C-alpha cells in the first residue's frame, strides 16, 4: 500500500513544469540509455540535478516537491533510480562539478554512479584527487571497495597525476590549452622500438621514423607526420627540427625534440627558438601557434616548471619508456640498424 505523499508548498502549475522538464530529460535519453547505459544515465542525473538547482528546490520546504517528483518518476520509470535520496544526490552532483575543469567533468562522467557518490563523500573539493581516482577507476577497473581502500591509503598523494608538464595555460587561449592537455600525454611508451638506453639520439629518431605508424598510434588521433630533420633556414643559418607533425584538431604544427637523457633547462630555450622559426616561416594564415614537445628519457617536474616559467611559446615536456631488458639491447640495436642501413642502401639492378 502506497504511503500518502505529503503535498508540497508549491503551485500546481509550477510543479507541473518541473515534472514535465524532468520527464523530457529522461525521454530524450531513453534510446541512448539503452545503447550507452552508464554514460547516459549519468548525463540524465546531471541534468535533473541542474533542474532542481535552477528551480531552487532546497532541503526543507522542497522535501515535499522531491518526494512527489520521486513518486511520479518511479511510476513512469521504475528502474531509473529516482528515489528521493538519489534526486538530492543528483543536485549535489551538479553543484559539486558544475564549476570544475572540463577534463575533470569528462573523467567523472564515465564512472558508475556509486563510484561518483563515494568520491564526492570521501574526497570533497579536491579536483586533482578526483581526477586521479577517476583515471585509475577507468584504467584498472576498480570496484567501489578497491576505490575506498585506495582513498584510505591516500594514494593520490603518493602518485603523480598524469598531466603534461607544460606552459599551455600561459601561452595558449583557454579552450585550446584545455584541448592540448587532452591531446598530449606526460609519458609515451616506445617499447615497440625494442630498445633501452644507451642509444644515440639519431638512432632513436631513425627508429621512430621507421616505425612512424606505431609512433602515430602512440601519440593519438589527429597527428600527421611531416618529416624528420626538418630544415628551417633563417638569417643565413640552418636549424633542424628532429620530428615535425601537424595536428588537425589543434590546427597547428607540432615540433618534437628527442633527447636520450634527462631533461635539461637549456632544451626549453632551444625549442622556444624552433617554434619562433616555425611560426615565422611555415605557419599558415589560418593555423594556430606551433606547439613544441620535448621528449626525453626522464624529467624532474620542478626543474621543468622553472625552465618553462618565462617561455613565450607553448612547450610541453614528456618522458618515454623503453622496456627491452638491457642484456638484449646490443643484439636488438645491431639487428635494427643493419636492417635500416640495408633499407637505405641503393639497390643494384
Protein backbone atom coordinates (compact mmCIF):
# COMPACT_ATOMS: atom_id res chain seq x y z
CA UNK A 1 0.00 0.00 0.00
CA UNK A 2 1.50 3.31 -1.10
CA UNK A 3 2.11 5.94 1.54
CA UNK A 4 0.30 9.21 1.06
CA UNK A 5 2.73 11.73 -0.38
CA UNK A 6 2.63 14.96 1.59
CA UNK A 7 1.61 17.88 -0.62
CA UNK A 8 4.41 20.38 -1.09
CA UNK A 9 4.07 24.16 -0.75
CA UNK A 10 4.27 24.84 -4.47
CA UNK A 11 1.66 25.83 -7.02
CA UNK A 12 0.38 23.02 -9.24
CA UNK A 13 1.40 24.86 -12.40
CA UNK A 14 4.97 25.36 -11.19
CA UNK A 15 5.21 21.73 -10.13
CA UNK A 16 3.86 20.56 -13.48
CA UNK A 17 6.69 22.46 -15.20
CA UNK A 18 9.29 20.68 -13.03
CA UNK A 19 7.73 17.29 -13.68
CA UNK A 20 7.46 17.96 -17.41
CA UNK A 21 11.10 19.04 -17.66
CA UNK A 22 12.30 16.03 -15.68
CA UNK A 23 10.25 13.72 -17.91
CA UNK A 24 11.65 15.44 -21.00
CA UNK A 25 15.23 14.85 -19.81
CA UNK A 26 14.55 11.13 -19.34
CA UNK A 27 12.56 10.71 -22.55
CA UNK A 28 15.26 12.28 -24.71
CA UNK A 29 17.87 9.93 -23.30
CA UNK A 30 15.90 6.67 -23.28
CA UNK A 31 17.31 5.41 -26.56
CA UNK A 32 20.82 6.44 -25.59
CA UNK A 33 20.40 4.83 -22.18
CA UNK A 34 19.67 1.53 -23.88
CA UNK A 35 22.78 1.92 -26.04
CA UNK A 36 25.24 3.52 -23.65
CA UNK A 37 23.65 2.86 -20.28
CA UNK A 38 26.09 4.26 -17.77
CA UNK A 39 27.20 7.42 -19.54
CA UNK A 40 23.68 8.43 -20.47
CA UNK A 41 22.28 7.72 -17.00
CA UNK A 42 24.97 9.95 -15.51
CA UNK A 43 24.12 12.62 -18.08
CA UNK A 44 20.44 12.40 -17.11
CA UNK A 45 21.36 12.59 -13.40
CA UNK A 46 23.43 15.70 -14.14
CA UNK A 47 20.58 17.39 -16.00
CA UNK A 48 17.99 16.58 -13.32
CA UNK A 49 20.40 17.86 -10.66
CA UNK A 50 20.75 21.05 -12.70
CA UNK A 51 16.96 21.29 -12.99
CA UNK A 52 16.50 21.04 -9.21
CA UNK A 53 19.18 23.65 -8.67
CA UNK A 54 17.80 26.09 -11.22
CA UNK A 55 14.24 25.66 -9.88
CA UNK A 56 15.63 26.50 -6.41
CA UNK A 57 14.41 23.26 -4.80
CA UNK A 58 16.07 23.33 -1.39
CA UNK A 59 16.07 20.88 1.51
CA UNK A 60 13.26 21.68 3.94
CA UNK A 61 10.44 23.30 2.02
CA UNK A 62 11.47 21.37 -1.09
CA UNK A 63 11.28 17.94 0.56
CA UNK A 64 7.68 17.57 -0.49
CA UNK A 65 8.50 18.51 -4.09
CA UNK A 66 11.23 15.89 -4.26
CA UNK A 67 9.00 13.23 -2.66
CA UNK A 68 6.28 13.94 -5.18
CA UNK A 69 8.71 14.05 -8.10
CA UNK A 70 10.22 10.76 -6.96
CA UNK A 71 6.83 9.06 -6.80
CA UNK A 72 5.81 10.26 -10.28
CA UNK A 73 9.13 9.39 -11.90
CA UNK A 74 9.24 5.93 -10.29
CA UNK A 75 5.74 5.24 -11.59
CA UNK A 76 6.90 6.02 -15.15
CA UNK A 77 10.47 4.69 -14.89
CA UNK A 78 10.70 2.07 -12.12
CA UNK A 79 14.32 1.17 -12.90
CA UNK A 80 15.68 4.69 -13.28
CA UNK A 81 16.74 5.20 -9.66
CA UNK A 82 14.57 8.19 -8.81
CA UNK A 83 14.39 7.74 -5.04
CA UNK A 84 14.19 10.98 -3.02
CA UNK A 85 17.72 10.43 -1.74
CA UNK A 86 19.02 9.86 -5.26
CA UNK A 87 17.31 13.00 -6.53
CA UNK A 88 19.02 15.04 -3.83
CA UNK A 89 22.32 13.34 -4.72
CA UNK A 90 21.79 14.40 -8.36
CA UNK A 91 21.59 18.00 -7.24
CA UNK A 92 24.74 17.58 -5.10
CA UNK A 93 26.46 16.00 -8.12
CA UNK A 94 25.63 19.00 -10.32
CA UNK A 95 26.67 21.51 -7.65
CA UNK A 96 29.94 19.67 -6.93
CA UNK A 97 31.19 19.57 -10.53
CA UNK A 98 29.47 22.42 -12.37
CA UNK A 99 32.49 24.74 -11.91
CA UNK A 100 35.15 22.03 -12.33
CA UNK A 101 37.55 21.91 -15.25
CA UNK A 102 36.16 20.16 -18.34
CA UNK A 103 38.78 17.41 -18.02
CA UNK A 104 37.56 16.57 -14.50
CA UNK A 105 33.90 16.56 -15.60
CA UNK A 106 34.67 14.30 -18.56
CA UNK A 107 36.61 11.87 -16.36
CA UNK A 108 33.78 11.67 -13.81
CA UNK A 109 31.02 11.39 -16.44
CA UNK A 110 32.07 7.86 -17.45
CA UNK A 111 32.15 6.46 -13.89
CA UNK A 112 29.47 4.30 -12.28
CA UNK A 113 27.10 6.31 -10.09
CA UNK A 114 28.17 4.52 -6.89
CA UNK A 115 31.80 5.46 -7.52
CA UNK A 116 30.85 9.10 -8.09
CA UNK A 117 28.92 9.24 -4.81
CA UNK A 118 31.88 7.71 -2.99
CA UNK A 119 34.28 10.25 -4.49
CA UNK A 120 32.02 13.15 -3.55
CA UNK A 121 31.66 11.83 0.00
CA UNK A 122 35.31 10.92 0.63
CA UNK A 123 37.29 13.44 -1.42
CA UNK A 124 35.26 16.62 -1.23
CA UNK A 125 36.51 19.61 -3.25
CA UNK A 126 39.94 18.30 -4.33
CA UNK A 127 39.55 18.16 -8.13
CA UNK A 128 43.07 16.85 -8.71
CA UNK A 129 42.46 13.91 -6.38
CA UNK A 130 39.10 13.26 -8.06
CA UNK A 131 40.83 13.24 -11.47
CA UNK A 132 43.48 10.81 -10.26
CA UNK A 133 40.97 8.32 -8.86
CA UNK A 134 38.63 8.66 -11.89
CA UNK A 135 41.50 7.80 -14.23
CA UNK A 136 42.53 4.84 -12.08
CA UNK A 137 38.94 3.52 -11.93
CA UNK A 138 38.66 3.55 -15.72
CA UNK A 139 42.15 2.22 -16.41
CA UNK A 140 42.19 -0.52 -13.76
CA UNK A 141 38.51 -1.32 -13.36
CA UNK A 142 38.42 -0.62 -9.61
CA UNK A 143 35.34 -1.74 -7.68
CA UNK A 144 33.92 0.55 -5.02
CA UNK A 145 35.74 -1.50 -2.38
CA UNK A 146 39.09 -1.06 -4.13
CA UNK A 147 38.39 2.63 -4.57
CA UNK A 148 37.61 3.01 -0.88
CA UNK A 149 40.85 1.24 0.06
CA UNK A 150 42.84 3.47 -2.31
CA UNK A 151 41.28 6.58 -0.77
CA UNK A 152 42.06 5.33 2.74
CA UNK A 153 45.68 4.83 1.67
CA UNK A 154 45.62 8.39 0.23
CA UNK A 155 47.16 7.09 -2.98
CA UNK A 156 46.56 10.41 -4.75
CA UNK A 157 49.20 11.99 -2.51
CA UNK A 158 51.91 9.49 -3.41
CA UNK A 159 51.11 9.04 -7.10
CA UNK A 160 51.67 11.78 -9.69
CA UNK A 161 48.56 12.66 -11.64
CA UNK A 162 49.12 12.06 -15.36
CA UNK A 163 49.15 15.64 -16.54
CA UNK A 164 51.57 17.03 -19.09
CA UNK A 165 54.35 19.24 -17.78
CA UNK A 166 53.82 22.33 -19.90
CA UNK A 167 53.08 26.04 -20.04
CA UNK A 168 49.99 25.74 -22.26
CA UNK A 169 47.69 27.66 -19.90
CA UNK A 170 50.03 30.67 -20.00
CA UNK A 171 50.73 30.64 -23.73
CA UNK A 172 47.51 29.44 -25.41
CA UNK A 173 43.86 30.57 -25.30
CA UNK A 174 41.95 28.73 -22.56
CA UNK A 175 39.95 26.48 -24.90
CA UNK A 176 42.99 25.47 -26.95
CA UNK A 177 45.10 24.94 -23.81
CA UNK A 178 42.47 22.57 -22.42
CA UNK A 179 42.35 20.64 -25.70
CA UNK A 180 46.15 20.49 -25.92
CA UNK A 181 46.24 18.95 -22.45
CA UNK A 182 43.90 16.24 -23.69
CA UNK A 183 45.99 15.60 -26.82
CA UNK A 184 49.44 15.33 -25.25
CA UNK A 185 50.50 12.83 -22.58
CA UNK A 186 53.09 13.09 -19.82
CA UNK A 187 54.63 9.73 -20.75
CA UNK A 188 54.91 7.81 -24.02
CA UNK A 189 55.61 4.09 -24.29
CA UNK A 190 58.20 3.45 -27.00
CA UNK A 191 58.63 -0.19 -26.13
CA UNK A 192 57.57 -1.11 -29.66
CA UNK A 193 61.01 0.14 -30.79
CA UNK A 194 62.68 -2.70 -28.91
CA UNK A 195 65.44 -0.61 -27.28
CA UNK A 196 66.56 0.87 -23.98
CA UNK A 197 69.29 3.36 -23.11
CA UNK A 198 72.09 3.78 -24.04
CA UNK A 199 71.14 4.78 -27.55
CA UNK A 200 72.15 7.72 -29.73
CA UNK A 201 69.53 10.39 -30.41
CA UNK A 202 69.93 9.95 -34.16
CA UNK A 203 69.35 6.22 -33.81
CA UNK A 204 66.25 6.81 -31.73
CA UNK A 205 64.96 9.23 -34.36
CA UNK A 206 65.70 6.81 -37.22
CA UNK A 207 63.87 4.03 -35.45
CA UNK A 208 60.86 6.25 -34.78
CA UNK A 209 60.73 7.28 -38.43
CA UNK A 210 60.93 3.65 -39.48
CA UNK A 211 58.09 2.80 -37.09
CA UNK A 212 56.19 6.03 -37.71
CA UNK A 213 52.80 4.31 -37.94
CA UNK A 214 53.27 2.83 -34.48
CA UNK A 215 54.52 6.17 -33.14
CA UNK A 216 51.48 7.95 -34.54
CA UNK A 217 49.28 5.40 -32.77
CA UNK A 218 51.09 6.14 -29.51
CA UNK A 219 50.71 9.90 -29.99
CA UNK A 220 46.96 9.54 -30.56
CA UNK A 221 44.44 10.65 -33.15
CA UNK A 222 44.81 13.71 -35.30
CA UNK A 223 48.56 13.69 -35.97
CA UNK A 224 50.07 13.78 -39.47
CA UNK A 225 53.80 13.20 -39.88
CA UNK A 226 55.56 15.86 -41.97
CA UNK A 227 59.16 14.69 -41.68
CA UNK A 228 62.31 14.34 -39.60
CA UNK A 229 65.37 16.61 -39.52
CA UNK A 230 63.07 19.29 -40.91
CA UNK A 231 65.27 22.20 -42.04
CA UNK A 232 64.46 25.81 -41.14
CA UNK A 233 66.60 28.46 -42.87
CA UNK A 234 66.68 32.00 -41.49
CA UNK A 235 69.23 34.80 -41.43
CA UNK A 236 71.79 32.66 -43.26
CA UNK A 237 71.63 29.84 -40.73
CA UNK A 238 70.02 26.42 -40.69
CA UNK A 239 68.19 24.77 -37.81
CA UNK A 240 66.75 21.26 -37.86
CA UNK A 241 63.68 20.02 -36.00
CA UNK A 242 64.01 16.34 -35.06
CA UNK A 243 60.42 15.46 -35.99
CA UNK A 244 57.62 17.68 -37.30
CA UNK A 245 53.91 16.88 -37.21
CA UNK A 246 50.61 18.64 -37.84
CA UNK A 247 47.59 18.13 -35.59
CA UNK A 248 44.24 18.51 -37.34
CA UNK A 249 42.17 19.25 -34.25
CA UNK A 250 44.57 21.80 -32.77
CA UNK A 251 45.26 23.16 -36.27
CA UNK A 252 48.93 23.72 -35.59
CA UNK A 253 52.41 22.42 -36.28
CA UNK A 254 53.90 20.22 -33.56
CA UNK A 255 57.68 20.04 -33.21
CA UNK A 256 59.15 17.07 -31.31
CA UNK A 257 62.70 17.27 -29.98
CA UNK A 258 64.16 13.89 -28.97
CA UNK A 259 66.60 13.56 -26.06
CA UNK A 260 68.21 10.34 -24.88
CA UNK A 261 69.00 11.64 -21.40
CA UNK A 262 67.26 13.57 -18.65
CA UNK A 263 65.60 16.92 -19.26
CA UNK A 264 67.87 19.98 -19.06
CA UNK A 265 66.62 23.60 -18.85
CA UNK A 266 68.53 24.59 -21.98
CA UNK A 267 66.32 22.25 -24.03
CA UNK A 268 63.39 24.61 -23.46
CA UNK A 269 65.29 27.59 -24.88
CA UNK A 270 66.20 25.63 -28.00
CA UNK A 271 62.58 24.55 -28.51
CA UNK A 272 61.36 28.11 -27.97
CA UNK A 273 63.66 29.19 -30.83
CA UNK A 274 62.42 26.39 -33.13
CA UNK A 275 58.82 27.43 -32.53
CA UNK A 276 59.63 31.06 -33.33
CA UNK A 277 61.09 29.94 -36.65
CA UNK A 278 58.13 27.67 -37.43
CA UNK A 279 55.63 30.44 -36.69
CA UNK A 280 57.56 32.93 -38.78
CA UNK A 281 58.44 30.69 -41.73
CA UNK A 282 55.84 27.94 -42.05
CA UNK A 283 52.73 28.65 -40.01
CA UNK A 284 49.67 29.08 -42.24
CA UNK A 285 47.42 32.13 -42.05
CA UNK A 286 44.54 30.07 -40.61
CA UNK A 287 46.69 28.00 -38.25
CA UNK A 288 47.26 28.35 -34.50
CA UNK A 289 50.62 28.83 -32.78
CA UNK A 290 53.05 25.96 -33.18
CA UNK A 291 53.49 23.69 -30.15
CA UNK A 292 56.71 22.01 -29.05
CA UNK A 293 57.14 18.72 -27.20
CA UNK A 294 60.49 17.81 -25.67
CA UNK A 295 60.60 14.01 -25.43
CA UNK A 296 63.30 12.88 -23.01
CA UNK A 297 64.28 9.78 -21.04
CA UNK A 298 63.34 11.31 -17.69
CA UNK A 299 62.32 14.64 -16.17
CA UNK A 300 62.13 16.44 -12.87
CA UNK A 301 58.79 18.25 -12.51
CA UNK A 302 60.25 21.15 -10.51
CA UNK A 303 63.06 21.67 -13.00
CA UNK A 304 60.59 21.58 -15.89
CA UNK A 305 58.32 24.11 -14.20
CA UNK A 306 61.18 26.54 -13.62
CA UNK A 307 62.51 26.12 -17.17
CA UNK A 308 59.13 26.83 -18.77
CA UNK A 309 58.07 29.62 -16.41
CA UNK A 310 59.11 32.54 -18.63
CA UNK A 311 59.00 30.86 -22.05
CA UNK A 312 56.75 32.66 -24.54
CA UNK A 313 55.98 29.67 -26.76
CA UNK A 314 53.73 26.70 -25.86
CA UNK A 315 56.05 23.87 -24.80
CA UNK A 316 55.42 20.53 -23.13
CA UNK A 317 57.90 18.05 -21.68
CA UNK A 318 57.18 14.32 -21.75
CA UNK A 319 59.27 11.29 -20.93
CA UNK A 320 59.30 7.91 -22.63
CA UNK A 321 59.62 4.29 -21.58
CA UNK A 322 61.88 1.82 -23.35
CA UNK A 323 61.24 -1.61 -21.92
CA UNK A 324 63.57 -4.16 -23.51
CA UNK A 325 66.00 -5.77 -20.96
CA UNK A 326 69.50 -4.32 -21.17
CA UNK A 327 71.17 -7.65 -21.96
CA UNK A 328 69.15 -7.76 -25.18
CA UNK A 329 69.98 -4.19 -26.19
CA UNK A 330 73.15 -4.86 -28.21
CA UNK A 331 71.58 -7.54 -30.39
CA UNK A 332 68.38 -5.53 -30.91
CA UNK A 333 70.30 -2.40 -31.88
CA UNK A 334 72.60 -4.26 -34.26
CA UNK A 335 69.73 -6.06 -35.97
CA UNK A 336 67.59 -2.94 -36.29
CA UNK A 337 70.36 -0.65 -37.50
CA UNK A 338 71.56 -3.28 -40.00
CA UNK A 339 68.03 -3.57 -41.35
CA UNK A 340 67.72 0.20 -41.53
CA UNK A 341 71.07 0.51 -43.36
CA UNK A 342 70.05 -2.17 -45.87
CA UNK A 343 66.79 -0.38 -46.49
CA UNK A 344 68.63 2.88 -47.22
CA UNK A 345 71.34 1.30 -49.39
CA UNK A 346 70.97 1.81 -53.17
CA UNK A 347 69.52 -1.20 -54.93
CA UNK A 348 71.64 -2.97 -57.57
CA UNK A 349 69.98 -3.79 -60.90
